[in-house]
Amino acid sequence: MTDLNLPVIDKEKCTLCGTCVEVCPEDVLAITEETLTYANPDQCTMCTECEAACPENAVACYFQIGWADDEVKNE
């Protein structure tokens, strides 16, 4: 998974409350050394639970949308 598929953390807004860490079903996020970081970035499914749970709007999930080509659609 690339960085483009990970939740974006605004460290200016983050108060380290841990709510996003608690709701993440894949244990992607963690608080270490007084910062929010990615513990298991390859496990992120972009479920957006962390974004929805953050009371400070410090987490944002951006999706990459891909379109199937005509051959795939016609199969």
N, C-alpha and C. Protein backbone atom coordinates (compact mmCIF):
# COMPACT_ATOMS: atom_id res chain seq x y z
N MET A 1 0.86 -1.18 0.00
CA MET A 1 0.00 0.00 0.00
C MET A 1 0.90 1.23 0.00
N THR A 2 0.52 2.23 -0.76
CA THR A 2 1.32 3.44 -0.82
C THR A 2 0.82 4.46 0.17
N ASP A 3 1.62 5.49 0.41
CA ASP A 3 1.22 6.55 1.33
C ASP A 3 -0.08 7.23 0.89
N LEU A 4 -0.36 7.23 -0.41
CA LEU A 4 -1.58 7.87 -0.91
C LEU A 4 -2.83 7.15 -0.41
N ASN A 5 -2.71 5.90 -0.02
CA ASN A 5 -3.86 5.14 0.44
C ASN A 5 -4.01 5.12 1.95
N LEU A 6 -3.15 5.82 2.66
CA LEU A 6 -3.22 5.85 4.12
C LEU A 6 -3.98 7.08 4.59
N PRO A 7 -4.60 7.00 5.75
CA PRO A 7 -5.23 8.19 6.31
C PRO A 7 -4.17 9.28 6.50
N VAL A 8 -4.56 10.50 6.24
CA VAL A 8 -3.65 11.64 6.40
C VAL A 8 -3.87 12.21 7.79
N ILE A 9 -2.79 12.34 8.54
CA ILE A 9 -2.86 12.83 9.91
C ILE A 9 -2.38 14.27 9.96
N ASP A 10 -3.23 15.16 10.44
CA ASP A 10 -2.85 16.56 10.65
C ASP A 10 -2.34 16.68 12.07
N LYS A 11 -1.03 16.67 12.21
CA LYS A 11 -0.42 16.66 13.55
C LYS A 11 -0.64 17.97 14.29
N GLU A 12 -1.00 19.02 13.58
CA GLU A 12 -1.32 20.29 14.23
C GLU A 12 -2.65 20.20 14.98
N LYS A 13 -3.59 19.45 14.42
CA LYS A 13 -4.92 19.31 15.03
C LYS A 13 -5.00 18.16 16.03
N CYS A 14 -4.15 17.15 15.86
CA CYS A 14 -4.23 15.95 16.68
C CYS A 14 -3.88 16.24 18.14
N THR A 15 -4.76 15.82 19.05
CA THR A 15 -4.52 16.01 20.48
C THR A 15 -4.09 14.72 21.16
N LEU A 16 -3.85 13.67 20.38
CA LEU A 16 -3.42 12.36 20.88
C LEU A 16 -4.44 11.73 21.82
N CYS A 17 -5.73 11.95 21.55
CA CYS A 17 -6.77 11.38 22.40
C CYS A 17 -6.86 9.87 22.26
N GLY A 18 -6.44 9.34 21.12
CA GLY A 18 -6.43 7.90 20.90
C GLY A 18 -7.72 7.31 20.37
N THR A 19 -8.72 8.13 20.11
CA THR A 19 -10.00 7.63 19.62
C THR A 19 -9.83 6.90 18.30
N CYS A 20 -9.05 7.43 17.40
CA CYS A 20 -8.84 6.80 16.09
C CYS A 20 -8.15 5.44 16.25
N VAL A 21 -7.22 5.36 17.18
CA VAL A 21 -6.51 4.11 17.44
C VAL A 21 -7.49 3.06 17.96
N GLU A 22 -8.37 3.45 18.84
CA GLU A 22 -9.34 2.53 19.44
C GLU A 22 -10.32 1.97 18.43
N VAL A 23 -10.76 2.77 17.46
CA VAL A 23 -11.78 2.31 16.52
C VAL A 23 -11.23 1.59 15.30
N CYS A 24 -9.94 1.68 15.06
CA CYS A 24 -9.36 1.06 13.86
C CYS A 24 -9.42 -0.46 13.97
N PRO A 25 -10.18 -1.11 13.08
CA PRO A 25 -10.32 -2.57 13.16
C PRO A 25 -9.06 -3.33 12.75
N GLU A 26 -8.14 -2.66 12.09
CA GLU A 26 -6.93 -3.33 11.60
C GLU A 26 -5.67 -2.93 12.37
N ASP A 27 -5.82 -2.17 13.44
CA ASP A 27 -4.67 -1.72 14.24
C ASP A 27 -3.61 -1.01 13.40
N VAL A 28 -4.07 -0.15 12.51
CA VAL A 28 -3.16 0.58 11.62
C VAL A 28 -2.48 1.73 12.36
N LEU A 29 -3.22 2.42 13.22
CA LEU A 29 -2.69 3.59 13.90
C LEU A 29 -2.22 3.27 15.32
N ALA A 30 -1.26 4.06 15.78
CA ALA A 30 -0.75 3.89 17.14
C ALA A 30 -0.20 5.22 17.63
N ILE A 31 -0.21 5.39 18.95
CA ILE A 31 0.41 6.56 19.56
C ILE A 31 1.73 6.10 20.17
N THR A 32 2.82 6.67 19.66
CA THR A 32 4.15 6.34 20.17
C THR A 32 4.96 7.62 20.33
N GLU A 33 5.71 7.70 21.38
CA GLU A 33 6.58 8.85 21.63
C GLU A 33 5.88 10.19 21.40
N GLU A 34 4.66 10.28 21.93
CA GLU A 34 3.88 11.52 21.86
C GLU A 34 3.51 11.95 20.45
N THR A 35 3.28 10.97 19.55
CA THR A 35 2.82 11.28 18.21
C THR A 35 1.93 10.16 17.70
N LEU A 36 1.02 10.50 16.81
CA LEU A 36 0.18 9.50 16.15
C LEU A 36 0.93 9.03 14.93
N THR A 37 1.04 7.73 14.76
CA THR A 37 1.81 7.17 13.66
C THR A 37 1.12 5.93 13.10
N TYR A 38 1.71 5.35 12.07
CA TYR A 38 1.19 4.13 11.46
C TYR A 38 1.91 2.92 12.04
N ALA A 39 1.19 2.06 12.72
CA ALA A 39 1.78 0.85 13.29
C ALA A 39 1.81 -0.28 12.26
N ASN A 40 0.73 -0.42 11.51
CA ASN A 40 0.60 -1.48 10.50
C ASN A 40 0.00 -0.90 9.22
N PRO A 41 0.75 -0.07 8.51
CA PRO A 41 0.18 0.63 7.35
C PRO A 41 -0.33 -0.30 6.24
N ASP A 42 0.29 -1.46 6.09
CA ASP A 42 -0.15 -2.39 5.04
C ASP A 42 -1.50 -3.01 5.32
N GLN A 43 -2.00 -2.85 6.53
CA GLN A 43 -3.28 -3.44 6.90
C GLN A 43 -4.46 -2.51 6.67
N CYS A 44 -4.20 -1.27 6.30
CA CYS A 44 -5.27 -0.28 6.14
C CYS A 44 -6.21 -0.67 5.00
N THR A 45 -7.50 -0.71 5.31
CA THR A 45 -8.52 -1.04 4.31
C THR A 45 -9.32 0.20 3.89
N MET A 46 -8.92 1.37 4.39
CA MET A 46 -9.61 2.63 4.10
C MET A 46 -11.09 2.56 4.50
N CYS A 47 -11.35 1.99 5.66
CA CYS A 47 -12.73 1.88 6.15
C CYS A 47 -13.26 3.22 6.62
N THR A 48 -12.41 4.18 6.88
CA THR A 48 -12.71 5.55 7.31
C THR A 48 -13.21 5.64 8.75
N GLU A 49 -13.13 4.58 9.52
CA GLU A 49 -13.55 4.62 10.93
C GLU A 49 -12.74 5.65 11.70
N CYS A 50 -11.44 5.73 11.44
CA CYS A 50 -10.58 6.69 12.15
C CYS A 50 -10.99 8.12 11.84
N GLU A 51 -11.29 8.38 10.59
CA GLU A 51 -11.71 9.73 10.19
C GLU A 51 -13.02 10.11 10.88
N ALA A 52 -13.97 9.20 10.88
CA ALA A 52 -15.28 9.47 11.47
C ALA A 52 -15.20 9.66 12.99
N ALA A 53 -14.28 8.96 13.63
CA ALA A 53 -14.19 8.99 15.09
C ALA A 53 -13.41 10.18 15.63
N CYS A 54 -12.55 10.79 14.83
CA CYS A 54 -11.68 11.85 15.33
C CYS A 54 -12.47 13.11 15.70
N PRO A 55 -12.45 13.48 16.99
CA PRO A 55 -13.21 14.66 17.42
C PRO A 55 -12.59 15.98 16.97
N GLU A 56 -11.34 15.94 16.54
CA GLU A 56 -10.64 17.16 16.12
C GLU A 56 -10.53 17.29 14.61
N ASN A 57 -11.10 16.35 13.86
CA ASN A 57 -10.97 16.33 12.40
C ASN A 57 -9.51 16.34 11.97
N ALA A 58 -8.69 15.59 12.70
CA ALA A 58 -7.26 15.54 12.41
C ALA A 58 -6.88 14.39 11.50
N VAL A 59 -7.85 13.54 11.16
CA VAL A 59 -7.59 12.40 10.29
C VAL A 59 -8.49 12.51 9.08
N ALA A 60 -7.89 12.36 7.90
CA ALA A 60 -8.66 12.43 6.65
C ALA A 60 -8.29 11.24 5.77
N CYS A 61 -9.29 10.64 5.19
CA CYS A 61 -9.08 9.51 4.28
C CYS A 61 -9.43 9.96 2.87
N TYR A 62 -8.47 9.79 1.98
CA TYR A 62 -8.67 10.14 0.57
C TYR A 62 -8.61 8.86 -0.24
N PHE A 63 -9.61 8.65 -1.04
CA PHE A 63 -9.68 7.44 -1.85
C PHE A 63 -9.06 7.67 -3.22
N GLN A 64 -8.49 6.60 -3.76
CA GLN A 64 -8.07 6.59 -5.15
C GLN A 64 -9.12 5.78 -5.90
N ILE A 65 -9.75 6.39 -6.87
CA ILE A 65 -10.78 5.70 -7.62
C ILE A 65 -10.19 5.25 -8.94
N GLY A 66 -10.35 3.99 -9.24
CA GLY A 66 -9.88 3.45 -10.51
C GLY A 66 -11.06 2.97 -11.33
N TRP A 67 -10.96 3.16 -12.61
CA TRP A 67 -12.03 2.74 -13.50
C TRP A 67 -11.55 1.54 -14.30
N ALA A 68 -12.42 0.55 -14.42
CA ALA A 68 -12.09 -0.62 -15.22
C ALA A 68 -12.14 -0.23 -16.69
N ASP A 69 -11.26 -0.84 -17.49
CA ASP A 69 -11.32 -0.54 -18.92
C ASP A 69 -12.47 -1.32 -19.55
N ASP A 70 -12.76 -1.04 -20.80
CA ASP A 70 -13.93 -1.64 -21.47
C ASP A 70 -13.85 -3.16 -21.53
N GLU A 71 -12.65 -3.73 -21.69
CA GLU A 71 -12.52 -5.18 -21.76
C GLU A 71 -12.98 -5.84 -20.48
N VAL A 72 -12.62 -5.28 -19.35
CA VAL A 72 -13.01 -5.86 -18.08
C VAL A 72 -14.51 -5.76 -17.88
N LYS A 73 -15.12 -4.64 -18.29
CA LYS A 73 -16.55 -4.44 -18.12
C LYS A 73 -17.36 -5.43 -18.96
N ASN A 74 -16.82 -5.81 -20.12
CA ASN A 74 -17.56 -6.66 -21.04
C ASN A 74 -17.40 -8.14 -20.74
N GLU A 75 -16.60 -8.51 -19.80
CA GLU A 75 -16.40 -9.94 -19.51
C GLU A 75 -17.53 -10.53 -18.74
